Amino acid sequence: MKKFVYSLLIILLIPILYIFYLFIPLHYGIDNINNKNFKIEKVGNLKILYLSGTHSEIGYQHGLALKEEISKMRNLLSKELENKNFFEKIVIRYTMKNYFRSIPSEYKKEMSAIAKASGASLDTILLLNIYDELFNLYGCTNVSVWGKKSVDGNIIHGRNLDYFLSDKLWNLNVLFVYNATDGNNFISLTWPGLIGVLTGMNNKGISLGSMTSVSINQQTNGIPTGILYRIIMENAKNISDVENILKANKRTIGNNLMISSKNDKKTVVFEFDSKNLERVESKEWIVSTNHFTTLKNKEEDYSGSISRKIIAEEYLENKQNITLSNIVETMRNLDTGNIGNQSICRSDTVHSAIFLPITGEVYIAANDGIYASLGRYFHFLFKQGKLKYIDYIDYSDEYFSFLNNFFYYKYQVEEMDNKEIMHYIESFTKNRKFDDMDIIKIIQFYKNIDLKEKIYEYIERLKRHFESYQQKIKKMNKDIDPVDRFLLLNHYDASLFFLVEGYKIIGDMENLKKYCEIGINDGIDGESNAWYEMKFKEYYKKYFSHET
């Protein structure tokens, strides 16, 4: 009986001890840190961080430079995982330990150095780097043209990264510039605490964009995809190198990986999971999203991925001599297509990049808001490990229409104050010409976020616009062409109406009354647009009839 009891206790104790082992925090040694120097620049809202040295030194610099941002990432991660039950947490810990064993030692040292310098735990840094592996999150688009399809034969590789936490991660993108002791120099657009590459280009002319594709074949005994792509950035100079690296290392989850190569002068897509690897080629243009075209997809709803692929393919297929502007237009495409599903640019788009690996140029759109590709694309030249800012492509005209509700929400939930929001909106409005309808929308928005000083600035714009037409009416020649006369009078009435609308929005009753009376009483030679006159009378009756 005792023997049975002891055996039972041992059987019960083994899983308890194993669970205890799973929850023991990770630790890993790092090399001596002789170089703690880093450099930070900022272009627009994009932070650029220059790192150099050994993997341990690069990690330490990373942690020092982005300590505050890594703390934000840690808080986001904690919030995402807080509702997981005990058994789900056991699975996560088991998966973490498995992945950690498979990661090459230099990257373990880099993550450990980040943790040491930032004050985060190594467990947190690892979780940030394997989050996609754990939850198979997907929603990205890559397109590329080259050869006779592009205007100058150059490779133009566009990439949108979509992510489910876009409303939290949209302003945390960092452009890392790596100058490591060993291997290629490269740039990587990602988030604080992450050492893997999801969007990047190296000094050998290899650019990449990753896209999760859910597969029935996946394992935890392999190198996480972001770190696998880091190995590619550090070691590959052509497409064959990339393929050899993918074959030589244990892979984990399903992915589509678009690779553009300066030396090969073309782009390919690698579709793979833990067991299979296929190279997909096309003649002079290619599109990839979040489903396989050669491997077997897991049973999922891929309609969003399919719609994005179709929209991009239809756009590129019907064009010749494709330019950078055409690729920008593709990455900004808001059309959901005939099947009415997902657009290429959407609220989950956290950053966008366009690579020209033959020339070493890159355009980065990040941190201007969700719908990232509607923001500015900052143009850089990456040569010999150095990044040089050149100029930028301005915001899409659609930016304010798609972002104002997002910023208003951030104000309502007190995640941003009105001064912070003003910074983003004024970056868009600076040196931009607006019609009166656009100005009214901005006035309404600033009223919603209680920003009175900016409201009157835009009211003054409407007032100046009206007064310019008022002067033109006074100087109008009676012999003016009837069509020109009609248009001028209509512009005058419209500018007055929008000025009245502005005063109505902000509740300036004195000026509302004044300009309503002008609209009612200023019939020019008996002419007046009946609709505008009706609106002026309607407002006057509504707000001032009690005064008579």
Protein backbone atom coordinates (compact mmCIF):
# COMPACT_ATOMS: atom_id res chain seq x y z
CA MET A 1 0.00 0.00 0.00
CA LYS A 2 2.83 2.39 0.90
CA LYS A 3 4.52 1.63 -2.38
CA PHE A 4 1.33 2.48 -4.22
CA VAL A 5 0.94 5.75 -2.29
CA TYR A 6 4.56 6.71 -2.99
CA SER A 7 4.12 5.91 -6.67
CA LEU A 8 0.94 7.98 -6.80
CA LEU A 9 2.66 10.90 -5.07
CA ILE A 10 5.53 10.73 -7.54
CA ILE A 11 3.11 10.65 -10.47
CA LEU A 12 1.32 13.70 -9.05
CA LEU A 13 4.54 15.47 -8.17
CA ILE A 14 6.16 15.23 -11.60
CA PRO A 15 3.61 17.44 -13.43
CA ILE A 16 3.56 19.86 -10.49
CA LEU A 17 7.35 20.17 -10.64
CA TYR A 18 7.22 20.55 -14.40
CA ILE A 19 4.64 23.32 -14.14
CA PHE A 20 6.82 24.94 -11.49
CA TYR A 21 9.77 24.71 -13.92
CA LEU A 22 7.71 26.33 -16.68
CA PHE A 23 7.06 29.39 -14.53
CA ILE A 24 10.68 29.87 -13.45
CA PRO A 25 11.78 33.18 -15.04
CA LEU A 26 14.25 32.97 -17.91
CA HIS A 27 17.87 34.05 -17.48
CA TYR A 28 20.72 34.16 -19.97
CA GLY A 29 24.22 35.57 -19.75
CA ILE A 30 25.53 38.36 -21.95
CA ASP A 31 28.98 39.32 -23.19
CA ASN A 32 30.92 42.26 -21.78
CA ILE A 33 29.42 45.58 -22.82
CA ASN A 34 32.22 47.84 -24.08
CA ASN A 35 30.05 49.96 -26.37
CA LYS A 36 26.97 51.59 -24.85
CA ASN A 37 26.77 54.36 -27.47
CA PHE A 38 23.69 54.78 -29.60
CA LYS A 39 22.23 57.60 -31.64
CA ILE A 40 18.60 58.70 -31.92
CA GLU A 41 17.16 60.90 -34.65
CA LYS A 42 13.60 61.87 -35.40
CA VAL A 43 12.05 62.57 -38.79
CA GLY A 44 8.43 63.64 -38.59
CA ASN A 45 6.94 61.38 -35.90
CA LEU A 46 9.33 58.54 -36.70
CA LYS A 47 12.12 57.71 -34.26
CA ILE A 48 15.33 56.34 -35.79
CA LEU A 49 17.72 54.38 -33.57
CA TYR A 50 21.31 53.59 -34.62
CA LEU A 51 22.83 50.49 -32.99
CA SER A 52 26.31 49.01 -33.37
CA GLY A 53 28.69 46.40 -31.98
CA THR A 54 28.17 42.83 -30.82
CA HIS A 55 24.72 41.35 -30.30
CA SER A 56 25.02 41.95 -26.56
CA GLU A 57 26.07 45.57 -27.11
CA ILE A 58 23.31 46.15 -29.65
CA GLY A 59 20.77 44.74 -27.19
CA TYR A 60 22.07 46.88 -24.34
CA GLN A 61 21.94 50.05 -26.46
CA HIS A 62 18.42 49.12 -27.57
CA GLY A 63 17.25 48.70 -23.97
CA LEU A 64 18.87 51.94 -22.81
CA ALA A 65 17.54 54.02 -25.69
CA LEU A 66 13.95 52.72 -25.57
CA LYS A 67 13.46 52.04 -21.87
CA GLU A 68 10.22 54.06 -21.68
CA GLU A 69 8.82 52.60 -24.91
CA ILE A 70 9.65 49.04 -23.84
CA SER A 71 7.74 49.71 -20.62
CA LYS A 72 4.71 50.66 -22.75
CA MET A 73 5.09 47.47 -24.77
CA ARG A 74 5.30 45.45 -21.54
CA ASN A 75 2.09 47.04 -20.27
CA LEU A 76 0.31 46.29 -23.54
CA LEU A 77 1.48 42.69 -23.38
CA SER A 78 0.36 42.30 -19.76
CA LYS A 79 -3.07 43.67 -20.61
CA GLU A 80 -3.44 41.26 -23.53
CA LEU A 81 -2.50 38.26 -21.40
CA GLU A 82 -4.29 39.15 -18.15
CA ASN A 83 -7.52 37.37 -19.13
CA LYS A 84 -5.80 34.09 -20.00
CA ASN A 85 -6.76 31.28 -17.64
CA PHE A 86 -4.21 29.15 -15.78
CA PHE A 87 -4.19 26.38 -18.38
CA GLU A 88 -3.70 28.86 -21.24
CA LYS A 89 -0.81 30.37 -19.31
CA ILE A 90 0.74 26.91 -18.92
CA VAL A 91 0.58 26.45 -22.71
CA ILE A 92 2.14 29.88 -23.26
CA ARG A 93 4.97 29.14 -20.80
CA TYR A 94 5.59 25.73 -22.39
CA THR A 95 5.72 27.35 -25.85
CA MET A 96 8.05 30.09 -24.62
CA LYS A 97 10.53 27.61 -23.17
CA ASN A 98 10.51 25.57 -26.36
CA TYR A 99 11.16 28.58 -28.56
CA PHE A 100 13.87 29.87 -26.27
CA ARG A 101 15.81 26.60 -26.53
CA SER A 102 15.76 26.88 -30.35
CA ILE A 103 16.92 30.50 -30.62
CA PRO A 104 20.65 30.88 -31.48
CA SER A 105 22.74 32.05 -28.53
CA GLU A 106 23.67 35.47 -29.97
CA TYR A 107 20.00 36.45 -30.12
CA LYS A 108 19.36 35.14 -26.60
CA LYS A 109 22.20 37.40 -25.48
CA GLU A 110 20.71 40.36 -27.35
CA MET A 111 17.29 39.86 -25.76
CA SER A 112 18.88 39.41 -22.35
CA ALA A 113 20.86 42.63 -22.80
CA ILE A 114 17.68 44.50 -23.78
CA ALA A 115 16.03 43.20 -20.61
CA LYS A 116 18.98 44.21 -18.44
CA ALA A 117 19.23 47.74 -19.82
CA SER A 118 15.49 48.44 -19.94
CA GLY A 119 14.50 46.89 -16.62
CA ALA A 120 12.08 44.47 -18.28
CA SER A 121 12.27 40.73 -17.69
CA LEU A 122 13.76 38.42 -20.30
CA ASP A 123 10.39 36.64 -20.31
CA THR A 124 8.71 39.87 -21.45
CA ILE A 125 11.27 40.49 -24.21
CA LEU A 126 10.94 36.91 -25.44
CA LEU A 127 7.13 37.13 -25.44
CA LEU A 128 7.27 40.30 -27.53
CA ASN A 129 9.45 38.45 -30.03
CA ILE A 130 7.26 35.33 -30.31
CA TYR A 131 3.80 36.93 -30.10
CA ASP A 132 3.00 36.08 -33.74
CA GLU A 133 4.11 32.51 -33.18
CA LEU A 134 1.76 32.17 -30.23
CA PHE A 135 -1.35 33.66 -31.77
CA ASN A 136 -0.87 33.45 -35.60
CA LEU A 137 -1.96 37.05 -36.19
CA TYR A 138 -2.22 38.08 -39.78
CA GLY A 139 -3.25 40.88 -42.18
CA CYS A 140 -0.49 42.22 -44.47
CA THR A 141 0.02 43.03 -48.15
CA ASN A 142 3.22 42.98 -50.26
CA VAL A 143 3.51 43.97 -53.92
CA SER A 144 6.52 44.30 -56.19
CA VAL A 145 7.30 45.27 -59.79
CA TRP A 146 10.57 45.17 -61.71
CA GLY A 147 12.05 44.86 -65.19
CA LYS A 148 9.82 46.05 -68.05
CA LYS A 149 6.86 46.45 -65.70
CA SER A 150 8.49 49.37 -63.82
CA VAL A 151 9.25 52.70 -65.42
CA ASP A 152 13.04 52.42 -65.15
CA GLY A 153 13.52 48.69 -64.62
CA ASN A 154 14.05 49.25 -60.89
CA ILE A 155 12.53 46.97 -58.25
CA ILE A 156 9.75 48.77 -56.36
CA HIS A 157 8.67 46.64 -53.40
CA GLY A 158 5.72 47.94 -51.36
CA ARG A 159 4.70 46.50 -48.00
CA ASN A 160 1.81 47.25 -45.61
CA LEU A 161 1.95 45.67 -42.16
CA ASP A 162 -1.48 45.23 -40.58
CA TYR A 163 -1.85 44.28 -36.93
CA PHE A 164 -4.78 43.76 -34.59
CA LEU A 165 -3.36 46.13 -31.94
CA SER A 166 -3.06 49.01 -34.39
CA ASP A 167 -4.83 51.47 -32.08
CA LYS A 168 -2.12 50.82 -29.45
CA LEU A 169 0.98 50.31 -31.61
CA TRP A 170 0.44 52.95 -34.31
CA ASN A 171 2.83 55.54 -32.79
CA LEU A 172 5.46 53.15 -31.37
CA ASN A 173 7.19 52.16 -34.63
CA VAL A 174 10.97 52.60 -34.58
CA LEU A 175 13.31 52.48 -37.57
CA PHE A 176 16.38 50.56 -36.37
CA VAL A 177 19.70 50.97 -38.19
CA TYR A 178 21.97 48.00 -37.39
CA ASN A 179 25.74 48.16 -37.82
CA ALA A 180 26.79 44.85 -36.26
CA THR A 181 30.34 43.67 -35.70
CA ASP A 182 29.59 40.62 -37.87
CA GLY A 183 27.29 40.33 -40.86
CA ASN A 184 25.44 42.73 -43.12
CA ASN A 185 24.26 46.15 -42.05
CA PHE A 186 20.50 46.54 -42.32
CA ILE A 187 17.44 48.57 -41.38
CA SER A 188 14.36 47.18 -39.66
CA LEU A 189 11.02 48.87 -39.04
CA THR A 190 9.44 47.35 -35.94
CA TRP A 191 8.59 48.02 -32.28
CA PRO A 192 10.64 48.54 -29.12
CA GLY A 193 11.92 45.31 -27.59
CA LEU A 194 11.71 43.31 -30.83
CA ILE A 195 14.95 42.02 -32.32
CA GLY A 196 13.34 40.17 -35.24
CA VAL A 197 12.73 41.67 -38.67
CA LEU A 198 9.27 41.93 -40.21
CA THR A 199 9.98 44.82 -42.59
CA GLY A 200 13.58 45.46 -43.58
CA MET A 201 16.38 45.90 -46.10
CA ASN A 202 20.12 45.17 -45.89
CA ASN A 203 23.16 46.78 -47.49
CA LYS A 204 23.43 43.92 -50.00
CA GLY A 205 20.12 44.92 -51.57
CA ILE A 206 17.81 42.33 -49.98
CA SER A 207 14.42 43.69 -48.87
CA LEU A 208 11.75 41.63 -47.14
CA GLY A 209 8.18 41.81 -45.96
CA SER A 210 6.58 38.99 -43.95
CA MET A 211 2.96 37.84 -43.93
CA THR A 212 1.57 35.23 -41.53
CA SER A 213 -0.36 32.44 -43.31
CA VAL A 214 -2.11 29.98 -41.04
CA SER A 215 -0.98 26.42 -41.66
CA ILE A 216 -1.89 23.01 -40.28
CA ASN A 217 1.87 22.39 -39.98
CA GLN A 218 3.51 24.33 -37.18
CA GLN A 219 5.84 23.59 -34.28
CA THR A 220 7.39 25.28 -31.27
CA ASN A 221 10.72 23.51 -31.72
CA GLY A 222 12.15 26.03 -34.19
CA ILE A 223 13.39 29.58 -34.72
CA PRO A 224 10.65 32.24 -34.46
CA THR A 225 9.98 33.80 -37.86
CA GLY A 226 11.11 37.33 -36.97
CA ILE A 227 14.47 36.06 -35.72
CA LEU A 228 14.77 33.77 -38.77
CA TYR A 229 14.33 36.87 -40.95
CA ARG A 230 16.95 38.65 -38.84
CA ILE A 231 19.37 35.86 -39.82
CA ILE A 232 18.46 36.52 -43.46
CA MET A 233 19.12 40.24 -43.11
CA GLU A 234 22.51 39.62 -41.51
CA ASN A 235 23.70 36.95 -43.95
CA ALA A 236 21.94 37.01 -47.33
CA LYS A 237 23.13 38.76 -50.47
CA ASN A 238 20.83 37.08 -52.99
CA ILE A 239 17.68 34.95 -53.26
CA SER A 240 19.62 31.67 -53.14
CA ASP A 241 21.11 32.68 -49.79
CA VAL A 242 17.62 33.36 -48.47
CA GLU A 243 16.35 29.99 -49.65
CA ASN A 244 19.32 28.18 -48.12
CA ILE A 245 18.77 29.90 -44.75
CA LEU A 246 15.08 28.97 -44.78
CA LYS A 247 15.94 25.35 -45.59
CA ALA A 248 18.80 25.07 -43.08
CA ASN A 249 16.80 26.22 -40.03
CA LYS A 250 13.82 24.70 -38.28
CA ARG A 251 10.74 26.77 -39.13
CA THR A 252 7.74 27.30 -36.86
CA ILE A 253 4.50 28.74 -38.25
CA GLY A 254 3.12 29.36 -41.74
CA ASN A 255 4.42 32.44 -43.54
CA ASN A 256 4.59 34.11 -46.91
CA LEU A 257 7.89 35.97 -47.25
CA MET A 258 8.40 38.44 -50.09
CA ILE A 259 12.08 38.89 -50.97
CA SER A 260 13.43 41.45 -53.43
CA SER A 261 17.06 41.22 -54.51
CA LYS A 262 19.39 43.79 -56.04
CA ASN A 263 21.77 41.11 -57.31
CA ASP A 264 19.01 38.99 -58.85
CA LYS A 265 17.10 42.04 -60.11
CA LYS A 266 13.75 40.46 -59.23
CA THR A 267 11.31 39.56 -56.44
CA VAL A 268 10.08 36.14 -55.27
CA VAL A 269 7.77 34.87 -52.54
CA PHE A 270 8.61 31.96 -50.26
CA GLU A 271 5.56 30.13 -48.95
CA PHE A 272 6.40 27.86 -46.04
CA ASP A 273 5.37 26.21 -42.82
CA SER A 274 7.21 23.89 -40.43
CA LYS A 275 7.35 21.08 -43.02
CA ASN A 276 7.11 22.59 -46.49
CA LEU A 277 8.86 25.33 -48.47
CA GLU A 278 7.88 26.55 -51.93
CA ARG A 279 9.40 29.33 -54.01
CA VAL A 280 6.80 31.31 -55.99
CA GLU A 281 8.00 33.28 -59.00
CA SER A 282 6.28 35.58 -61.45
CA LYS A 283 7.31 37.61 -64.46
CA GLU A 284 8.07 41.22 -63.51
CA TRP A 285 5.37 41.67 -60.87
CA ILE A 286 4.03 39.76 -57.90
CA VAL A 287 1.49 40.18 -55.06
CA SER A 288 1.23 38.25 -51.80
CA THR A 289 -1.06 38.52 -48.79
CA ASN A 290 -2.02 36.10 -45.99
CA HIS A 291 -2.96 32.86 -47.71
CA PHE A 292 -0.95 30.25 -49.54
CA THR A 293 -1.21 29.78 -53.30
CA THR A 294 0.90 26.61 -53.48
CA LEU A 295 0.75 25.07 -49.98
CA LYS A 296 -2.35 23.85 -48.15
CA ASN A 297 -4.15 26.48 -46.10
CA LYS A 298 -5.67 25.69 -42.73
CA GLU A 299 -9.47 25.93 -42.67
CA GLU A 300 -9.99 29.67 -42.08
CA ASP A 301 -11.84 32.61 -43.58
CA TYR A 302 -9.37 34.08 -46.08
CA SER A 303 -11.81 36.41 -47.84
CA GLY A 304 -10.00 39.52 -46.55
CA SER A 305 -6.63 38.24 -47.71
CA ILE A 306 -8.06 37.20 -51.08
CA SER A 307 -9.76 40.55 -51.63
CA ARG A 308 -6.54 42.48 -50.94
CA LYS A 309 -4.63 40.25 -53.36
CA ILE A 310 -7.25 40.65 -56.10
CA ILE A 311 -7.39 44.44 -55.72
CA ALA A 312 -3.60 44.78 -55.95
CA GLU A 313 -3.32 42.34 -58.86
CA GLU A 314 -6.05 44.06 -60.87
CA TYR A 315 -4.40 47.44 -60.34
CA LEU A 316 -0.89 46.29 -61.31
CA GLU A 317 -1.93 43.99 -64.14
CA ASN A 318 -3.54 46.82 -66.08
CA LYS A 319 -0.61 49.23 -65.78
CA GLN A 320 2.71 49.53 -67.58
CA ASN A 321 5.75 51.65 -66.71
CA ILE A 322 4.76 51.55 -63.06
CA THR A 323 6.27 54.32 -60.95
CA LEU A 324 6.87 54.86 -57.27
CA SER A 325 3.69 56.98 -57.21
CA ASN A 326 1.70 54.02 -58.53
CA ILE A 327 2.98 51.81 -55.70
CA VAL A 328 2.17 54.53 -53.14
CA GLU A 329 -1.32 54.65 -54.64
CA THR A 330 -1.55 50.86 -54.29
CA MET A 331 -0.50 50.89 -50.63
CA ARG A 332 -3.04 53.69 -49.97
CA ASN A 333 -5.87 51.88 -51.78
CA LEU A 334 -9.08 52.09 -49.73
CA ASP A 335 -11.26 50.12 -52.14
CA THR A 336 -12.78 46.92 -50.74
CA GLY A 337 -13.26 45.50 -54.22
CA ASN A 338 -16.23 43.85 -55.88
CA ILE A 339 -16.39 41.16 -53.22
CA GLY A 340 -16.66 43.88 -50.57
CA ASN A 341 -14.16 42.76 -47.99
CA GLN A 342 -10.80 44.25 -46.99
CA SER A 343 -8.97 47.18 -48.51
CA ILE A 344 -5.17 47.24 -48.84
CA CYS A 345 -4.98 50.28 -46.57
CA ARG A 346 -7.16 49.83 -43.51
CA SER A 347 -7.45 50.77 -39.87
CA ASP A 348 -5.14 47.87 -38.92
CA THR A 349 -2.32 49.17 -41.12
CA VAL A 350 0.37 50.03 -38.56
CA HIS A 351 3.20 50.87 -40.92
CA SER A 352 4.07 50.87 -44.59
CA ALA A 353 7.36 50.74 -46.46
CA ILE A 354 8.40 50.94 -50.09
CA PHE A 355 11.84 49.53 -50.90
CA LEU A 356 13.99 50.25 -53.95
CA PRO A 357 16.77 47.74 -53.17
CA ILE A 358 18.76 48.38 -56.37
CA THR A 359 19.31 52.04 -55.46
CA GLY A 360 19.20 51.57 -51.67
CA GLU A 361 16.24 53.90 -51.25
CA VAL A 362 13.36 53.32 -48.86
CA TYR A 363 10.13 55.18 -48.11
CA ILE A 364 8.69 54.76 -44.60
CA ALA A 365 5.14 55.65 -43.51
CA ALA A 366 4.69 55.22 -39.76
CA ASN A 367 3.49 56.96 -36.59
CA ASP A 368 1.17 59.48 -38.27
CA GLY A 369 -1.87 57.40 -37.26
CA ILE A 370 -3.73 54.20 -38.07
CA TYR A 371 -4.26 53.80 -41.83
CA ALA A 372 -0.49 54.36 -41.77
CA SER A 373 -0.04 54.51 -45.53
CA LEU A 374 -2.31 57.58 -45.67
CA GLY A 375 0.38 59.41 -43.71
CA ARG A 376 3.70 60.76 -44.95
CA TYR A 377 6.24 58.51 -46.63
CA PHE A 378 9.70 59.62 -45.51
CA HIS A 379 12.35 59.03 -48.14
CA PHE A 380 15.78 57.74 -47.10
CA LEU A 381 18.92 56.48 -48.79
CA PHE A 382 20.57 53.50 -47.08
CA LYS A 383 24.19 53.06 -48.22
CA GLN A 384 27.21 51.48 -46.49
CA GLY A 385 25.36 51.24 -43.20
CA LYS A 386 24.37 54.91 -43.19
CA LEU A 387 20.86 56.27 -43.46
CA LYS A 388 20.36 59.66 -45.11
CA TYR A 389 17.03 61.50 -45.03
CA ILE A 390 16.12 63.00 -48.43
CA ASP A 391 12.51 64.26 -48.55
CA TYR A 392 8.96 62.98 -48.12
CA ILE A 393 5.77 62.20 -49.99
CA ASP A 394 2.95 64.22 -48.44
CA TYR A 395 -0.15 62.88 -46.72
CA SER A 396 -2.97 61.39 -48.73
CA ASP A 397 -5.89 63.81 -49.14
CA GLU A 398 -7.99 61.16 -47.38
CA TYR A 399 -5.94 61.36 -44.16
CA PHE A 400 -8.21 63.65 -42.10
CA SER A 401 -11.43 61.97 -43.25
CA PHE A 402 -10.22 58.59 -42.03
CA LEU A 403 -8.31 59.70 -38.92
CA ASN A 404 -10.54 62.29 -37.21
CA ASN A 405 -12.80 59.69 -35.58
CA PHE A 406 -9.74 57.79 -34.32
CA PHE A 407 -8.24 60.87 -32.69
CA TYR A 408 -11.61 61.89 -31.24
CA TYR A 409 -11.89 58.43 -29.65
CA LYS A 410 -8.38 58.79 -28.19
CA TYR A 411 -9.47 62.11 -26.69
CA GLN A 412 -12.70 60.65 -25.26
CA VAL A 413 -10.92 57.78 -23.51
CA GLU A 414 -8.20 60.20 -22.33
CA GLU A 415 -5.36 58.38 -24.08
CA MET A 416 -4.36 61.64 -25.81
CA ASP A 417 -4.93 65.26 -24.85
CA ASN A 418 -6.05 67.88 -27.35
CA LYS A 419 -2.55 69.38 -27.70
CA GLU A 420 -1.11 66.00 -28.73
CA ILE A 421 -3.90 65.52 -31.25
CA MET A 422 -3.40 69.03 -32.60
CA HIS A 423 0.22 68.13 -33.37
CA TYR A 424 -0.90 65.35 -35.72
CA ILE A 425 -3.69 67.31 -37.37
CA GLU A 426 -1.59 70.45 -37.88
CA SER A 427 1.19 68.36 -39.46
CA PHE A 428 -1.41 67.41 -42.04
CA THR A 429 -2.96 70.85 -42.50
CA LYS A 430 0.35 72.75 -42.70
CA ASN A 431 0.81 74.44 -46.09
CA ARG A 432 -2.24 72.60 -47.43
CA LYS A 433 -5.04 74.35 -49.30
CA PHE A 434 -8.55 73.47 -48.12
CA ASP A 435 -11.94 74.25 -49.52
CA ASP A 436 -14.51 75.70 -47.15
CA MET A 437 -16.21 72.34 -46.56
CA ASP A 438 -12.91 70.86 -45.33
CA ILE A 439 -12.39 73.83 -43.01
CA ILE A 440 -15.86 73.32 -41.53
CA LYS A 441 -14.96 69.68 -40.78
CA ILE A 442 -11.77 70.80 -39.03
CA ILE A 443 -13.66 73.42 -37.01
CA GLN A 444 -16.19 70.82 -35.92
CA PHE A 445 -13.37 68.45 -34.95
CA TYR A 446 -11.50 71.05 -32.91
CA LYS A 447 -14.75 71.99 -31.17
CA ASN A 448 -15.24 68.31 -30.27
CA ILE A 449 -11.82 68.18 -28.60
CA ASP A 450 -12.21 71.60 -26.92
CA LEU A 451 -9.42 73.38 -28.80
CA LYS A 452 -10.80 76.93 -28.96
CA GLU A 453 -7.62 78.71 -30.03
CA LYS A 454 -7.39 76.67 -33.22
CA ILE A 455 -11.11 77.05 -33.96
CA TYR A 456 -10.83 80.81 -34.39
CA GLU A 457 -7.78 80.40 -36.60
CA TYR A 458 -9.90 78.42 -39.05
CA ILE A 459 -12.88 80.76 -38.65
CA GLU A 460 -10.54 83.54 -39.78
CA ARG A 461 -9.70 81.51 -42.87
CA LEU A 462 -13.41 81.32 -43.74
CA LYS A 463 -13.81 85.02 -43.05
CA ARG A 464 -10.90 85.97 -45.32
CA HIS A 465 -12.30 83.73 -48.03
CA PHE A 466 -15.71 85.40 -47.82
CA GLU A 467 -14.24 88.90 -47.77
CA SER A 468 -12.17 88.19 -50.87
CA TYR A 469 -15.36 87.28 -52.77
CA GLN A 470 -17.11 90.27 -51.25
CA GLN A 471 -14.45 92.53 -52.76
CA LYS A 472 -14.70 90.78 -56.12
CA ILE A 473 -18.47 91.32 -56.14
CA LYS A 474 -18.02 95.04 -55.46
CA LYS A 475 -15.57 95.34 -58.33
CA MET A 476 -17.61 93.15 -60.68
CA ASN A 477 -18.09 94.70 -64.10
CA LYS A 478 -21.71 94.81 -65.24
CA ASP A 479 -20.61 93.62 -68.67
CA ILE A 480 -19.12 90.43 -67.23
CA ASP A 481 -19.92 87.20 -69.04
CA PRO A 482 -23.21 85.79 -67.62
CA VAL A 483 -21.64 82.41 -66.82
CA ASP A 484 -18.72 84.04 -65.00
CA ARG A 485 -21.18 86.30 -63.17
CA PHE A 486 -23.26 83.34 -62.05
CA LEU A 487 -20.19 81.44 -60.81
CA LEU A 488 -18.83 84.44 -58.92
CA LEU A 489 -22.17 85.07 -57.21
CA ASN A 490 -22.48 81.40 -56.33
CA HIS A 491 -18.96 81.32 -54.82
CA TYR A 492 -19.82 84.46 -52.84
CA ASP A 493 -23.02 82.91 -51.42
CA ALA A 494 -21.24 79.63 -50.66
CA SER A 495 -18.36 81.34 -48.83
CA LEU A 496 -20.87 83.34 -46.76
CA PHE A 497 -22.84 80.20 -45.97
CA PHE A 498 -19.76 78.34 -44.72
CA LEU A 499 -18.77 81.32 -42.58
CA VAL A 500 -22.27 81.27 -41.05
CA GLU A 501 -21.91 77.51 -40.52
CA GLY A 502 -18.63 78.09 -38.72
CA TYR A 503 -20.14 80.61 -36.32
CA LYS A 504 -23.13 78.29 -35.78
CA ILE A 505 -20.82 75.38 -34.82
CA ILE A 506 -18.93 77.39 -32.22
CA GLY A 507 -22.04 79.16 -30.90
CA ASP A 508 -20.87 82.73 -31.71
CA MET A 509 -24.38 84.17 -31.84
CA GLU A 510 -23.33 87.76 -32.42
CA ASN A 511 -21.47 86.95 -35.63
CA LEU A 512 -24.02 84.33 -36.64
CA LYS A 513 -26.70 87.02 -36.59
CA LYS A 514 -24.50 89.57 -38.37
CA TYR A 515 -23.66 87.31 -41.30
CA CYS A 516 -27.16 85.82 -41.57
CA GLU A 517 -28.46 89.38 -42.00
CA ILE A 518 -25.88 90.00 -44.72
CA GLY A 519 -27.06 86.86 -46.50
CA ILE A 520 -30.71 87.90 -46.25
CA ASN A 521 -30.32 91.54 -47.19
CA ASP A 522 -27.50 91.72 -49.71
CA GLY A 523 -29.31 90.71 -52.90
CA ILE A 524 -26.93 91.94 -55.58
CA ASP A 525 -28.87 93.62 -58.37
CA GLY A 526 -31.80 91.50 -57.31
CA GLU A 527 -29.81 88.31 -57.69
CA SER A 528 -29.41 85.71 -54.98
CA ASN A 529 -29.13 81.96 -54.81
CA ALA A 530 -32.53 80.84 -53.50
CA TRP A 531 -31.17 77.87 -51.53
CA TYR A 532 -28.57 79.91 -49.63
CA GLU A 533 -31.10 82.69 -48.95
CA MET A 534 -33.50 80.09 -47.59
CA LYS A 535 -30.79 78.74 -45.23
CA PHE A 536 -29.90 82.22 -43.95
CA LYS A 537 -33.57 82.92 -43.22
CA GLU A 538 -34.00 79.52 -41.60
CA TYR A 539 -31.07 80.11 -39.24
CA TYR A 540 -32.21 83.63 -38.46
CA LYS A 541 -35.71 82.46 -37.62
CA LYS A 542 -34.42 79.58 -35.52
CA TYR A 543 -31.97 81.57 -33.42
CA PHE A 544 -33.19 85.20 -33.46
CA SER A 545 -36.97 85.29 -34.06
CA HIS A 546 -37.52 85.88 -30.33
CA GLU A 547 -35.73 89.23 -30.63
CA THR A 548 -38.40 90.75 -32.90
